C-alpha atoms as a PDB file:
ATOM      1  CA  ARG A   1     -29.192 -39.003  -2.333  1.00  0.00           C
ATOM      2  CA  HIS A   2     -26.515 -41.130  -1.105  1.00  0.00           C
ATOM      3  CA  ILE A   3     -23.859 -42.445  -3.507  1.00  0.00           C
ATOM      4  CA  PRO A   4     -22.617 -45.589  -2.744  1.00  0.00           C
ATOM      5  CA  PHE A   5     -19.175 -46.615  -3.880  1.00  0.00           C
ATOM      6  CA  PRO A   6     -17.757 -46.850  -6.551  1.00  0.00           C
ATOM      7  CA  ALA A   7     -19.275 -43.726  -8.368  1.00  0.00           C
ATOM      8  CA  MET A   8     -19.843 -43.732 -12.246  1.00  0.00           C
ATOM      9  CA  VAL A   9     -16.671 -41.698 -13.817  1.00  0.00           C
ATOM     10  CA  TYR A  10     -16.417 -40.913 -17.717  1.00  0.00           C
ATOM     11  CA  PHE A  11     -12.594 -40.991 -18.507  1.00  0.00           C
ATOM     12  CA  PHE A  12     -10.913 -39.486 -21.672  1.00  0.00           C
ATOM     13  CA  THR A  13      -7.864 -39.229 -23.147  1.00  0.00           C
ATOM     14  CA  SER A  14      -6.694 -35.305 -24.446  1.00  0.00           C
ATOM     15  CA  LYS A  15      -4.099 -35.512 -27.286  1.00  0.00           C
ATOM     16  CA  PRO A  16      -4.593 -33.484 -29.923  1.00  0.00           C
ATOM     17  CA  PRO A  17      -2.821 -34.878 -33.154  1.00  0.00           C
ATOM     18  CA  ASN A  18      -0.714 -31.516 -34.182  1.00  0.00           C
ATOM     19  CA  GLU A  19       0.685 -29.875 -30.980  1.00  0.00           C
ATOM     20  CA  GLU A  20       2.132 -26.681 -33.392  1.00  0.00           C
ATOM     21  CA  ALA A  21      -1.577 -25.775 -34.057  1.00  0.00           C
ATOM     22  CA  GLU A  22      -3.254 -22.970 -32.790  1.00  0.00           C
ATOM     23  CA  PRO A  23      -6.721 -23.438 -31.031  1.00  0.00           C
ATOM     24  CA  GLN A  24      -9.868 -22.580 -33.287  1.00  0.00           C
ATOM     25  CA  LEU A  25     -13.044 -20.872 -32.260  1.00  0.00           C
ATOM     26  CA  MET A  26     -11.810 -20.177 -28.628  1.00  0.00           C
ATOM     27  CA  ASP A  27     -10.468 -16.869 -26.931  1.00  0.00           C
ATOM     28  CA  ALA A  28      -8.922 -17.834 -24.118  1.00  0.00           C
ATOM     29  CA  PRO A  29      -6.614 -16.399 -21.117  1.00  0.00           C
ATOM     30  CA  GLY A  30      -2.785 -16.233 -21.633  1.00  0.00           C
ATOM     31  CA  GLY A  31       0.368 -18.048 -20.063  1.00  0.00           C
ATOM     32  CA  PHE A  32      -1.157 -21.861 -20.549  1.00  0.00           C
ATOM     33  CA  SER A  33       2.036 -23.811 -21.837  1.00  0.00           C
ATOM     34  CA  ALA A  34       3.377 -27.123 -21.615  1.00  0.00           C
ATOM     35  CA  PRO A  35       4.407 -29.926 -23.817  1.00  0.00           C
ATOM     36  CA  ILE A  36       1.570 -32.314 -24.510  1.00  0.00           C
ATOM     37  CA  PRO A  37       2.702 -35.982 -22.753  1.00  0.00           C
ATOM     38  CA  PRO A  38       2.956 -38.954 -25.085  1.00  0.00           C
ATOM     39  CA  GLU A  39       0.151 -40.691 -23.584  1.00  0.00           C
ATOM     40  CA  GLY A  40      -1.880 -37.852 -23.535  1.00  0.00           C
ATOM     41  CA  CYS A  41      -3.637 -35.812 -20.583  1.00  0.00           C
ATOM     42  CA  LEU A  42      -6.307 -37.736 -18.469  1.00  0.00           C
ATOM     43  CA  LEU A  43      -9.496 -35.871 -18.417  1.00  0.00           C
ATOM     44  CA  TYR A  44     -12.552 -37.212 -16.223  1.00  0.00           C
ATOM     45  CA  MET A  45     -16.221 -36.275 -15.717  1.00  0.00           C
ATOM     46  CA  GLY A  46     -18.869 -37.645 -13.612  1.00  0.00           C
ATOM     47  CA  LYS A  47     -22.348 -39.180 -14.800  1.00  0.00           C
ATOM     48  CA  ASP A  48     -24.765 -36.672 -13.625  1.00  0.00           C
ATOM     49  CA  LYS A  49     -24.760 -33.957 -10.643  1.00  0.00           C
ATOM     50  CA  PHE A  50     -24.660 -36.481  -7.792  1.00  0.00           C
ATOM     51  CA  GLU A  51     -21.252 -37.858  -9.171  1.00  0.00           C
ATOM     52  CA  ASN A  52     -20.006 -34.309  -9.504  1.00  0.00           C
ATOM     53  CA  GLU A  53     -20.702 -33.748  -6.141  1.00  0.00           C
ATOM     54  CA  GLU A  54     -18.420 -37.059  -5.422  1.00  0.00           C
ATOM     55  CA  LEU A  55     -15.757 -35.471  -7.402  1.00  0.00           C
ATOM     56  CA  ILE A  56     -15.780 -32.506  -6.057  1.00  0.00           C
ATOM     57  CA  LYS A  57     -15.310 -34.129  -2.478  1.00  0.00           C
ATOM     58  CA  TYR A  58     -12.304 -36.178  -3.365  1.00  0.00           C
ATOM     59  CA  ALA A  59     -10.660 -34.326  -6.284  1.00  0.00           C
ATOM     60  CA  TRP A  60      -6.611 -34.362  -6.362  1.00  0.00           C
ATOM     61  CA  PRO A  61      -4.795 -31.116  -5.449  1.00  0.00           C
ATOM     62  CA  GLU A  62      -3.388 -31.599  -9.186  1.00  0.00           C
ATOM     63  CA  ASP A  63      -6.745 -31.625 -10.803  1.00  0.00           C
ATOM     64  CA  VAL A  64      -8.101 -28.398 -12.751  1.00  0.00           C
ATOM     65  CA  TRP A  65     -11.659 -27.993 -12.767  1.00  0.00           C
ATOM     66  CA  PHE A  66     -13.888 -27.075 -16.032  1.00  0.00           C
ATOM     67  CA  HIS A  67     -17.669 -26.123 -16.162  1.00  0.00           C
ATOM     68  CA  VAL A  68     -19.864 -23.957 -18.382  1.00  0.00           C
ATOM     69  CA  ASP A  69     -20.284 -20.458 -17.160  1.00  0.00           C
ATOM     70  CA  LYS A  70     -23.884 -19.600 -15.759  1.00  0.00           C
ATOM     71  CA  GLU A  71     -25.174 -23.138 -17.078  1.00  0.00           C
ATOM     72  CA  SER A  72     -25.492 -26.783 -15.656  1.00  0.00           C
ATOM     73  CA  SER A  73     -23.234 -28.734 -17.415  1.00  0.00           C
ATOM     74  CA  ALA A  74     -20.759 -32.040 -16.738  1.00  0.00           C
ATOM     75  CA  HIS A  75     -17.697 -30.906 -14.298  1.00  0.00           C
ATOM     76  CA  VAL A  76     -14.639 -31.867 -16.139  1.00  0.00           C
ATOM     77  CA  TYR A  77     -11.245 -32.144 -14.476  1.00  0.00           C
ATOM     78  CA  ILE A  78      -7.644 -32.624 -16.249  1.00  0.00           C
ATOM     79  CA  ARG A  79      -5.262 -34.568 -13.506  1.00  0.00           C
ATOM     80  CA  LEU A  80      -1.856 -32.693 -14.059  1.00  0.00           C
ATOM     81  CA  PRO A  81       1.042 -34.948 -12.811  1.00  0.00           C
ATOM     82  CA  ARG A  82       1.617 -35.865  -9.487  1.00  0.00           C
ATOM     83  CA  GLY A  83       2.975 -33.171  -7.425  1.00  0.00           C
ATOM     84  CA  SER A  84       2.364 -30.411  -9.993  1.00  0.00           C
ATOM     85  CA  HIS A  85       0.691 -28.308  -6.988  1.00  0.00           C
ATOM     86  CA  LYS A  86       4.042 -28.353  -5.262  1.00  0.00           C
ATOM     87  CA  LYS A  87       5.863 -26.039  -7.584  1.00  0.00           C
ATOM     88  CA  GLY A  88       3.933 -23.067  -6.214  1.00  0.00           C
ATOM     89  CA  GLY A  89       3.082 -20.192  -8.709  1.00  0.00           C
ATOM     90  CA  ASN A  90       0.980 -20.737 -11.568  1.00  0.00           C
ATOM     91  CA  TRP A  91       1.574 -24.520 -11.458  1.00  0.00           C
ATOM     92  CA  PHE A  92      -2.085 -25.049 -13.042  1.00  0.00           C
ATOM     93  CA  LYS A  93      -1.204 -23.342 -16.418  1.00  0.00           C
ATOM     94  CA  GLU A  94       1.146 -25.930 -17.392  1.00  0.00           C
ATOM     95  CA  ILE A  95      -1.398 -27.196 -19.575  1.00  0.00           C
ATOM     96  CA  HIS A  96      -0.970 -27.081 -23.657  1.00  0.00           C
ATOM     97  CA  PRO A  97      -3.873 -24.454 -25.142  1.00  0.00           C
ATOM     98  CA  LEU A  98      -4.762 -27.696 -26.795  1.00  0.00           C
ATOM     99  CA  VAL A  99      -5.465 -29.423 -24.263  1.00  0.00           C
ATOM    100  CA  VAL A 100      -7.459 -26.153 -22.908  1.00  0.00           C
ATOM    101  CA  GLU A 101      -9.625 -26.069 -25.766  1.00  0.00           C
ATOM    102  CA  ASP A 102     -10.273 -30.037 -25.457  1.00  0.00           C
ATOM    103  CA  CYS A 103     -11.539 -29.402 -21.817  1.00  0.00           C
ATOM    104  CA  CYS A 104     -13.399 -26.609 -22.928  1.00  0.00           C
ATOM    105  CA  GLN A 105     -15.090 -28.340 -25.957  1.00  0.00           C
ATOM    106  CA  LEU A 106     -15.768 -31.723 -23.680  1.00  0.00           C
ATOM    107  CA  VAL A 107     -17.293 -29.401 -20.831  1.00  0.00           C
ATOM    108  CA  LYS A 108     -19.823 -27.370 -23.890  1.00  0.00           C
ATOM    109  CA  ALA A 109     -20.506 -31.253 -25.282  1.00  0.00           C
ATOM    110  CA  ASN A 110     -21.968 -32.356 -22.251  1.00  0.00           C
ATOM    111  CA  SER A 111     -24.396 -29.232 -21.143  1.00  0.00           C
ATOM    112  CA  ILE A 112     -27.715 -29.493 -22.304  1.00  0.00           C
ATOM    113  CA  ARG A 113     -28.136 -25.619 -23.201  1.00  0.00           C
ATOM    114  CA  GLY A 114     -24.488 -24.786 -23.594  1.00  0.00           C
ATOM    115  CA  ASN A 115     -24.044 -27.531 -26.171  1.00  0.00           C
ATOM    116  CA  LYS A 116     -26.542 -25.173 -28.414  1.00  0.00           C
ATOM    117  CA  LEU A 117     -25.071 -22.100 -27.827  1.00  0.00           C
ATOM    118  CA  ASP A 118     -22.493 -20.154 -29.588  1.00  0.00           C
ATOM    119  CA  ASN A 119     -19.756 -17.994 -27.565  1.00  0.00           C
ATOM    120  CA  VAL A 120     -20.053 -20.030 -24.309  1.00  0.00           C
ATOM    121  CA  SER A 121     -18.073 -19.212 -21.202  1.00  0.00           C
ATOM    122  CA  ILE A 122     -16.163 -21.426 -19.923  1.00  0.00           C
ATOM    123  CA  VAL A 123     -14.638 -21.202 -16.328  1.00  0.00           C
ATOM    124  CA  PHE A 124     -12.192 -23.362 -14.980  1.00  0.00           C
ATOM    125  CA  THR A 125      -9.742 -23.507 -11.677  1.00  0.00           C
ATOM    126  CA  PRO A 126      -7.639 -25.408  -9.368  1.00  0.00           C
ATOM    127  CA  ALA A 127     -10.007 -27.680  -7.843  1.00  0.00           C
ATOM    128  CA  SER A 128      -8.262 -26.847  -4.363  1.00  0.00           C
ATOM    129  CA  ASN A 129     -10.160 -23.329  -5.156  1.00  0.00           C
ATOM    130  CA  LEU A 130     -13.561 -25.048  -5.318  1.00  0.00           C
ATOM    131  CA  LYS A 131     -15.919 -24.050  -2.516  1.00  0.00           C
ATOM    132  CA  LYS A 132     -18.897 -25.937  -1.159  1.00  0.00           C
ATOM    133  CA  THR A 133     -21.264 -24.772   1.572  1.00  0.00           C
ATOM    134  CA  GLY A 134     -23.997 -26.367   3.648  1.00  0.00           C
ATOM    135  CA  GLY A 135     -26.687 -24.153   1.922  1.00  0.00           C
ATOM    136  CA  MET A 136     -25.506 -25.229  -2.192  1.00  0.00           C
ATOM    137  CA  GLU A 137     -27.379 -27.536  -4.129  1.00  0.00           C
ATOM    138  CA  VAL A 138     -26.178 -30.972  -5.071  1.00  0.00           C
ATOM    139  CA  GLY A 139     -23.149 -30.077  -7.398  1.00  0.00           C
ATOM    140  CA  GLN A 140     -23.029 -26.176  -6.987  1.00  0.00           C
ATOM    141  CA  VAL A 141     -19.857 -25.230  -5.999  1.00  0.00           C
ATOM    142  CA  GLY A 142     -18.289 -21.332  -5.581  1.00  0.00           C
ATOM    143  CA  PHE A 143     -14.674 -20.389  -5.170  1.00  0.00           C
ATOM    144  CA  HIS A 144     -12.409 -19.794  -2.483  1.00  0.00           C
ATOM    145  CA  SER A 145     -10.788 -16.875  -4.283  1.00  0.00           C
ATOM    146  CA  GLN A 146     -11.348 -15.191  -8.038  1.00  0.00           C
ATOM    147  CA  THR A 147      -7.762 -14.720  -8.728  1.00  0.00           C
ATOM    148  CA  ASN A 148      -7.066 -18.268 -10.000  1.00  0.00           C
ATOM    149  CA  VAL A 149     -10.435 -17.967 -11.997  1.00  0.00           C
ATOM    150  CA  PHE A 150     -10.011 -17.962 -15.454  1.00  0.00           C
ATOM    151  CA  LYS A 151     -12.200 -17.841 -18.335  1.00  0.00           C
ATOM    152  CA  ALA A 152     -12.425 -18.851 -21.966  1.00  0.00           C
ATOM    153  CA  LYS A 153     -15.101 -18.019 -24.675  1.00  0.00           C
ATOM    154  CA  ILE A 154     -15.980 -21.370 -26.838  1.00  0.00           C
ATOM    155  CA  LYS A 155     -17.540 -19.642 -30.374  1.00  0.00           C
ATOM    156  CA  GLU A 156     -18.906 -23.170 -31.413  1.00  0.00           C
ATOM    157  CA  ARG A 157     -18.978 -26.379 -31.023  1.00  0.00           C
ATOM    158  CA  ARG A 158     -15.943 -28.564 -32.753  1.00  0.00           C
ATOM    159  CA  ASN A 159     -17.711 -31.823 -33.936  1.00  0.00           C
ATOM    160  CA  GLU A 160     -13.602 -33.168 -34.786  1.00  0.00           C
ATOM    161  CA  VAL A 161     -12.353 -32.619 -31.172  1.00  0.00           C
ATOM    162  CA  VAL A 162     -15.372 -33.969 -29.294  1.00  0.00           C
ATOM    163  CA  ASN A 163     -15.616 -37.005 -31.646  1.00  0.00           C
ATOM    164  CA  ARG A 164     -11.740 -37.250 -31.104  1.00  0.00           C
ATOM    165  CA  LEU A 165     -12.221 -37.504 -27.184  1.00  0.00           C
ATOM    166  CA  ASP A 166     -15.327 -39.515 -27.428  1.00  0.00           C
ATOM    167  CA  LYS A 167     -13.266 -42.071 -29.285  1.00  0.00           C
ATOM    168  CA  THR A 168     -11.087 -42.415 -25.881  1.00  0.00           C
ATOM    169  CA  LYS A 169     -14.050 -42.501 -23.609  1.00  0.00           C
ATOM    170  CA  LYS A 170     -14.143 -45.256 -20.973  1.00  0.00           C
ATOM    171  CA  TRP A 171     -16.277 -45.537 -17.799  1.00  0.00           C
ATOM    172  CA  GLU A 172     -15.222 -46.920 -14.546  1.00  0.00           C
ATOM    173  CA  GLU A 173     -16.645 -47.130 -11.612  1.00  0.00           C
ATOM    174  CA  PRO A 174     -13.688 -45.898  -9.010  1.00  0.00           C
ATOM    175  CA  ASN A 175     -13.890 -45.780  -5.183  1.00  0.00           C
ATOM    176  CA  LEU A 176     -12.829 -42.108  -5.217  1.00  0.00           C
ATOM    177  CA  GLN A 177     -12.409 -41.846  -1.478  1.00  0.00           C
ATOM    178  CA  ALA A 178     -10.040 -45.165  -0.998  1.00  0.00           C
ATOM    179  CA  ASP A 179      -8.143 -43.686  -4.453  1.00  0.00           C
ATOM    180  CA  LEU A 180      -7.670 -40.222  -2.862  1.00  0.00           C
ATOM    181  CA  ILE A 181      -6.493 -42.026   0.914  1.00  0.00           C
ATOM    182  CA  GLN A 182      -3.741 -44.479  -1.102  1.00  0.00           C
ATOM    183  CA  ARG A 183      -2.892 -41.551  -2.955  1.00  0.00           C
ATOM    184  CA  ASN A 184      -2.453 -39.348   0.196  1.00  0.00           C
ATOM    185  CA  LYS A 185      -0.511 -42.267   1.792  1.00  0.00           C
ATOM    186  CA  GLU A 186       1.969 -42.276  -0.988  1.00  0.00           C
ATOM    187  CA  GLU A 187       2.581 -38.763  -0.459  1.00  0.00           C
ATOM    188  CA  LYS A 188       3.295 -39.153   3.211  1.00  0.00           C
ATOM    189  CA  ALA A 189       5.236 -42.330   2.125  1.00  0.00           C
ATOM    190  CA  ILE A 190       7.915 -40.046  -0.539  1.00  0.00           C
ATOM    191  CA  ALA A 191       7.754 -36.882   1.748  1.00  0.00           C
ATOM    192  CA  ALA A 192       9.158 -39.219   4.619  1.00  0.00           C
ATOM    193  CA  LYS A 193      11.482 -40.851   2.394  1.00  0.00           C
ATOM    194  CA  GLU A 194      12.893 -37.353   0.798  1.00  0.00           C
ATOM    195  CA  ALA A 195      13.051 -36.089   4.721  1.00  0.00           C
ATOM    196  CA  GLU A 196      15.080 -38.897   6.103  1.00  0.00           C
ATOM    197  CA  VAL A 197      17.472 -38.492   2.786  1.00  0.00           C
ATOM    198  CA  GLU A 198      18.046 -34.560   3.948  1.00  0.00           C
ATOM    199  CA  ARG A 199      18.141 -35.694   7.423  1.00  0.00           C
ATOM    200  CA  ILE A 200      21.095 -38.022   6.594  1.00  0.00           C
ATOM    201  CA  GLU A 201      22.843 -35.630   4.377  1.00  0.00           C
ATOM    202  CA  ARG A 202      22.337 -32.436   6.889  1.00  0.00           C
ATOM    203  CA  GLU A 203      24.230 -35.003   9.192  1.00  0.00           C
ATOM    204  CA  ARG A 204      26.829 -35.487   6.975  1.00  0.00           C
ATOM    205  CA  GLN A 205      27.671 -31.940   6.424  1.00  0.00           C
ATOM    206  CA  GLN A 206      27.525 -31.042  10.256  1.00  0.00           C
ATOM    207  CA  ALA A 207      30.206 -33.533  10.534  1.00  0.00           C
ATOM    208  CA  GLU A 208      32.183 -32.569   7.901  1.00  0.00           C
ATOM    209  CA  TRP A 209      31.842 -28.672   9.055  1.00  0.00           C
ATOM    210  CA  LYS A 210      32.973 -29.835  12.694  1.00  0.00           C
ATOM    211  CA  LYS A 211      35.827 -32.157  11.308  1.00  0.00           C
ATOM    212  CA  GLU A 212      37.355 -29.062   9.099  1.00  0.00           C
ATOM    213  CA  LYS A 213      36.709 -26.611  12.116  1.00  0.00           C
ATOM    214  CA  GLU A 214      38.920 -29.288  14.354  1.00  0.00           C
ATOM    215  CA  GLU A 215      41.661 -29.744  11.689  1.00  0.00           C
ATOM    216  CA  ARG A 216      41.791 -25.555  11.401  1.00  0.00           C
ATOM    217  CA  SER A 217      42.285 -25.397  15.201  1.00  0.00           C
ATOM    218  CA  TYR A 218      45.010 -27.830  15.204  1.00  0.00           C
ATOM    219  CA  ASP A 219      47.164 -26.458  12.364  1.00  0.00           C
ATOM    220  CA  LYS A 220      46.890 -23.404  14.522  1.00  0.00           C
ATOM    221  CA  LEU A 221      48.515 -24.980  17.166  1.00  0.00           C
ATOM    222  CA  TYR A 222      51.010 -27.010  14.899  1.00  0.00           C
ATOM    223  CA  ASP A 223      53.700 -25.500  13.632  1.00  0.00           C
ATOM    224  CA  PRO A 224      56.486 -27.893  12.314  1.00  0.00           C
ATOM    225  CA  THR A 225      59.083 -25.034  11.933  1.00  0.00           C
ATOM    226  CA  GLN A 226      58.943 -25.182  16.046  1.00  0.00           C
ATOM    227  CA  MET A 227      59.973 -29.043  16.432  1.00  0.00           C
ATOM    228  CA  THR A 228      62.967 -30.446  16.637  1.00  0.00           C
ATOM    229  CA  ALA A 229      65.002 -33.080  14.597  1.00  0.00           C
ATOM    230  CA  ALA A 230      63.609 -35.647  17.031  1.00  0.00           C
ATOM    231  CA  GLY A 231      60.107 -34.169  16.441  1.00  0.00           C
ATOM    232  CA  GLU A 232      59.987 -32.735  19.995  1.00  0.00           C
ATOM    233  CA  MET A 233      58.938 -29.088  20.175  1.00  0.00           C
ATOM    234  CA  GLU A 234      60.786 -26.746  21.410  1.00  0.00           C
ATOM    235  CA  VAL A 235      60.942 -24.780  24.578  1.00  0.00           C
ATOM    236  CA  ASP A 236      61.491 -21.004  25.604  1.00  0.00           C
ATOM    237  CA  SER A 237      63.826 -20.240  28.312  1.00  0.00           C
ATOM    238  CA  ASP A 238      61.071 -20.448  30.676  1.00  0.00           C
ATOM    239  CA  GLY A 239      60.677 -24.308  29.622  1.00  0.00           C
ATOM    240  CA  GLU A 240      57.550 -23.691  28.532  1.00  0.00           C
ATOM    241  CA  PRO A 241      56.463 -24.573  25.081  1.00  0.00           C
ATOM    242  CA  ASP A 242      57.010 -21.903  22.530  1.00  0.00           C
ATOM    243  CA  PHE A 243      53.987 -21.427  20.050  1.00  0.00           C
ATOM    244  CA  MET A 244      55.250 -18.082  18.528  1.00  0.00           C
END
């Protein structure tokens, strides 16, 4: 099936009411921690497996992907702040545990079988770790590396979480390809500007170092103790300037 642009995408806002609370009915890996932004976190998912295919193709480098493990489900993404991936290391762990719970509950709620089951495993990884090969079915993915693949277990559905997210739900028809192209253009422009600033600063430092070097060299030659009252340099008995 060909997906004409734009594709249908559902957007949600994850903004748990009590940032100090602990996730409930969820066993998740440690190390995930970050403040919840005042505006909340952007979550999004496709309408069906065909939209999911487009999301895989045009995900942003800052996106983290969630899915019910070994079951059919929606593909849910959280979009972290622009440039998060440039931090290196475990940048993808900069998500508040309550927001991780929101993502997991949303994936579970949008799985036909997973929604009915208890103790459901949710798998998540940076979108850049998703691997698509020619033999895979529509919406199916693998991973480039298992190192950054994480799993959380959701013991049961929490209606209060799902209902809170559903209240923020809105669907749009973005041109995913055009949005990614525009984002990449903006990133290149930012990188070019930063490189220009670095070039100017580098040239300024080089000019400053050159000036300091020249001044140090002149100071070694110029000794005011060897100057006459008239400002002329004394000479030795051979008629040569005396630099000693």
